[in-house]
Amino acid sequence: MLRLYTGVAGTGKTREILRQIRQAAEEGKTDLLLIVPDQFTYEAERELCEYCGNHISMHAAAKSFSRMAMQMLSSSILQMKQKTSASL
């Protein structure tokens, strides 16, 4: 599920998102994504670990759109190579 949070600075958006990620991880959910602009990836990863603990990396990650796009592209290329080599 995709959730968008909007609002002015200082209204608690980040804390609410981190709280929900921590709660979902405690419930055993995995593959949780915190999507942030490229320039905030490091800060978001740091805040995620500070708020949720270092173990959160087993459940969630902070990623930028460009990083996600590169991973999807790499995955697609790998799948195409595997299909090509399997058909030879």
Protein backbone atom coordinates (compact mmCIF):
# COMPACT_ATOMS: atom_id res chain seq x y z
CA MET A 1 0.00 0.00 0.00
CA LEU A 2 1.23 3.49 -0.81
CA ARG A 3 0.60 6.30 1.65
CA LEU A 4 1.38 9.93 0.97
CA TYR A 5 1.90 12.38 3.81
CA THR A 6 1.69 16.10 3.15
CA GLY A 7 1.86 19.11 5.39
CA VAL A 8 4.03 21.97 6.48
CA ALA A 9 7.32 21.50 8.32
CA GLY A 10 7.11 20.62 11.98
CA THR A 11 3.70 18.94 12.00
CA GLY A 12 4.99 15.44 12.88
CA LYS A 13 4.83 13.71 9.49
CA THR A 14 8.22 12.04 9.85
CA ARG A 15 7.56 10.80 13.39
CA GLU A 16 4.21 9.35 12.36
CA ILE A 17 5.74 7.55 9.38
CA LEU A 18 8.57 6.16 11.53
CA ARG A 19 6.06 5.05 14.17
CA GLN A 20 4.02 3.20 11.56
CA ILE A 21 7.14 1.55 10.12
CA ARG A 22 8.23 0.42 13.60
CA GLN A 23 4.75 -0.94 14.33
CA ALA A 24 4.63 -2.84 11.02
CA ALA A 25 8.09 -4.31 11.66
CA GLU A 26 7.04 -5.40 15.16
CA GLU A 27 4.09 -7.18 13.53
CA GLY A 28 6.58 -9.10 11.37
CA LYS A 29 6.04 -7.26 8.11
CA THR A 30 9.00 -6.94 5.78
CA ASP A 31 9.88 -5.08 2.58
CA LEU A 32 8.79 -1.76 4.06
CA LEU A 33 9.96 1.29 2.09
CA LEU A 34 10.42 4.89 3.12
CA ILE A 35 10.66 6.78 -0.16
CA VAL A 36 12.45 10.11 0.09
CA PRO A 37 14.06 12.63 -2.27
CA ASP A 38 17.63 11.76 -3.33
CA GLN A 39 19.23 14.37 -1.08
CA PHE A 40 17.53 12.99 2.06
CA THR A 41 18.31 9.27 1.73
CA TYR A 42 21.19 9.22 4.22
CA GLU A 43 19.32 11.32 6.76
CA ALA A 44 16.19 9.17 6.41
CA GLU A 45 18.19 5.95 6.91
CA ARG A 46 19.82 7.45 10.01
CA GLU A 47 16.47 8.55 11.45
CA LEU A 48 14.95 5.16 10.69
CA CYS A 49 17.69 3.40 12.67
CA GLU A 50 17.59 5.94 15.50
CA TYR A 51 13.83 5.68 15.93
CA CYS A 52 13.33 1.98 15.24
CA GLY A 53 16.70 0.48 16.20
CA ASN A 54 19.42 -1.04 14.02
CA HIS A 55 17.44 -4.27 13.55
CA ILE A 56 14.97 -2.33 11.37
CA SER A 57 17.25 -2.90 8.37
CA MET A 58 15.88 -6.46 8.24
CA HIS A 59 12.37 -5.06 7.68
CA ALA A 60 12.60 -1.61 6.11
CA ALA A 61 14.77 0.65 3.98
CA ALA A 62 14.88 4.31 3.02
CA LYS A 63 15.25 4.70 -0.73
CA SER A 64 15.08 7.43 -3.30
CA PHE A 65 13.12 7.17 -6.53
CA SER A 66 16.34 7.06 -8.57
CA ARG A 67 17.78 4.24 -6.42
CA MET A 68 14.56 2.24 -6.76
CA ALA A 69 14.56 2.80 -10.53
CA MET A 70 18.16 1.59 -10.81
CA GLN A 71 17.37 -1.54 -8.78
CA MET A 72 14.30 -2.28 -10.90
CA LEU A 73 16.27 -1.77 -14.10
CA SER A 74 19.09 -4.03 -12.88
CA SER A 75 16.59 -6.69 -11.89
CA SER A 76 14.86 -6.51 -15.28
CA ILE A 77 18.16 -6.80 -17.14
CA LEU A 78 19.15 -9.80 -15.03
CA GLN A 79 15.82 -11.50 -15.73
CA MET A 80 16.18 -10.87 -19.47
CA LYS A 81 19.70 -12.35 -19.43
CA GLN A 82 18.47 -15.41 -17.56
CA LYS A 83 15.61 -15.95 -20.00
CA THR A 84 17.96 -15.51 -22.96
CA SER A 85 20.54 -17.95 -21.61
CA ALA A 86 17.84 -20.49 -20.70
CA SER A 87 16.46 -20.45 -24.25
CA LEU A 88 19.88 -21.12 -25.83
